[in-house]
Amino acid sequence: MSDIFDVFRNRIINADTEEVEDLIRQFKSSRANGEISEKEEADLEDIANRKLETGDEDTSN
């Protein structure tokens, strides 16, 4: 995975609900710009959705 993926992943894990929603928009924009792969986008979306479902629980596993 790329460094950009790792940054987004860590930011999602440490974010509150509003921040997660903003991060989703940001990583979708990064995908559109070719900065992250399609798989990375899907993985980030999965992490973000789990974070939104569980609140502040650590979703890194």
C-alpha atoms as a PDB file:
ATOM      1  CA  MET A   1       0.000   0.000   0.000  1.00  0.00           C
ATOM      2  CA  SER A   2       1.103   3.544  -0.670  1.00  0.00           C
ATOM      3  CA  ASP A   3       2.132   6.185   1.837  1.00  0.00           C
ATOM      4  CA  ILE A   4      -1.006   8.151   0.948  1.00  0.00           C
ATOM      5  CA  PHE A   5      -3.122   5.095   1.817  1.00  0.00           C
ATOM      6  CA  ASP A   6      -1.379   4.827   5.199  1.00  0.00           C
ATOM      7  CA  VAL A   7      -2.011   8.508   5.947  1.00  0.00           C
ATOM      8  CA  PHE A   8      -5.704   8.228   5.083  1.00  0.00           C
ATOM      9  CA  ARG A   9      -6.033   4.977   7.068  1.00  0.00           C
ATOM     10  CA  ASN A  10      -4.512   6.522  10.191  1.00  0.00           C
ATOM     11  CA  ARG A  11      -6.575   9.683   9.848  1.00  0.00           C
ATOM     12  CA  ILE A  12      -9.794   7.649   9.498  1.00  0.00           C
ATOM     13  CA  ILE A  13      -8.978   5.548  12.560  1.00  0.00           C
ATOM     14  CA  ASN A  14      -8.433   8.676  14.661  1.00  0.00           C
ATOM     15  CA  ALA A  15     -11.338  10.710  13.244  1.00  0.00           C
ATOM     16  CA  ASP A  16     -14.811  11.466  14.529  1.00  0.00           C
ATOM     17  CA  THR A  17     -17.886  10.886  12.346  1.00  0.00           C
ATOM     18  CA  GLU A  18     -17.823  14.293  10.647  1.00  0.00           C
ATOM     19  CA  GLU A  19     -14.120  13.980   9.901  1.00  0.00           C
ATOM     20  CA  VAL A  20     -14.597  10.461   8.480  1.00  0.00           C
ATOM     21  CA  GLU A  21     -17.201  11.766   6.035  1.00  0.00           C
ATOM     22  CA  ASP A  22     -14.785  14.481   4.917  1.00  0.00           C
ATOM     23  CA  LEU A  23     -11.951  11.962   4.588  1.00  0.00           C
ATOM     24  CA  ILE A  24     -14.149   9.787   2.360  1.00  0.00           C
ATOM     25  CA  ARG A  25     -14.542  12.739  -0.010  1.00  0.00           C
ATOM     26  CA  GLN A  26     -10.808  13.372   0.115  1.00  0.00           C
ATOM     27  CA  PHE A  27      -9.730   9.821  -0.703  1.00  0.00           C
ATOM     28  CA  LYS A  28     -12.313   9.569  -3.494  1.00  0.00           C
ATOM     29  CA  SER A  29     -10.756  12.727  -4.947  1.00  0.00           C
ATOM     30  CA  SER A  30      -7.300  11.175  -4.565  1.00  0.00           C
ATOM     31  CA  ARG A  31      -8.522   8.118  -6.471  1.00  0.00           C
ATOM     32  CA  ALA A  32      -9.926  10.326  -9.243  1.00  0.00           C
ATOM     33  CA  ASN A  33      -6.513  12.017  -9.457  1.00  0.00           C
ATOM     34  CA  GLY A  34      -4.718   8.659  -9.653  1.00  0.00           C
ATOM     35  CA  GLU A  35      -2.960   9.119  -6.307  1.00  0.00           C
ATOM     36  CA  ILE A  36      -4.318   5.858  -4.846  1.00  0.00           C
ATOM     37  CA  SER A  37      -5.311   2.597  -6.516  1.00  0.00           C
ATOM     38  CA  GLU A  38      -8.816   1.247  -6.912  1.00  0.00           C
ATOM     39  CA  LYS A  39      -8.043  -1.433  -4.301  1.00  0.00           C
ATOM     40  CA  GLU A  40      -6.734   1.172  -1.861  1.00  0.00           C
ATOM     41  CA  GLU A  41      -9.905   3.215  -2.353  1.00  0.00           C
ATOM     42  CA  ALA A  42     -12.051   0.126  -1.670  1.00  0.00           C
ATOM     43  CA  ASP A  43     -10.011  -0.724   1.433  1.00  0.00           C
ATOM     44  CA  LEU A  44     -10.263   2.846   2.744  1.00  0.00           C
ATOM     45  CA  GLU A  45     -13.997   2.867   2.100  1.00  0.00           C
ATOM     46  CA  ASP A  46     -14.344  -0.368   4.070  1.00  0.00           C
ATOM     47  CA  ILE A  47     -12.333   1.051   6.988  1.00  0.00           C
ATOM     48  CA  ALA A  48     -14.350   4.291   6.911  1.00  0.00           C
ATOM     49  CA  ASN A  49     -17.690   2.480   6.806  1.00  0.00           C
ATOM     50  CA  ARG A  50     -16.705   0.287   9.750  1.00  0.00           C
ATOM     51  CA  LYS A  51     -15.602   3.407  11.626  1.00  0.00           C
ATOM     52  CA  LEU A  52     -18.945   5.078  10.946  1.00  0.00           C
ATOM     53  CA  GLU A  53     -20.823   1.962  12.112  1.00  0.00           C
ATOM     54  CA  THR A  54     -18.813   1.469  15.295  1.00  0.00           C
ATOM     55  CA  GLY A  55     -18.092   5.072  16.290  1.00  0.00           C
ATOM     56  CA  ASP A  56     -14.768   5.509  18.078  1.00  0.00           C
ATOM     57  CA  GLU A  57     -13.790   1.836  18.142  1.00  0.00           C
ATOM     58  CA  ASP A  58     -10.415   1.057  16.571  1.00  0.00           C
ATOM     59  CA  THR A  59     -11.120  -0.408  13.091  1.00  0.00           C
ATOM     60  CA  SER A  60      -7.503  -1.195  12.203  1.00  0.00           C
ATOM     61  CA  ASN A  61      -7.946  -4.976  12.493  1.00  0.00           C
END
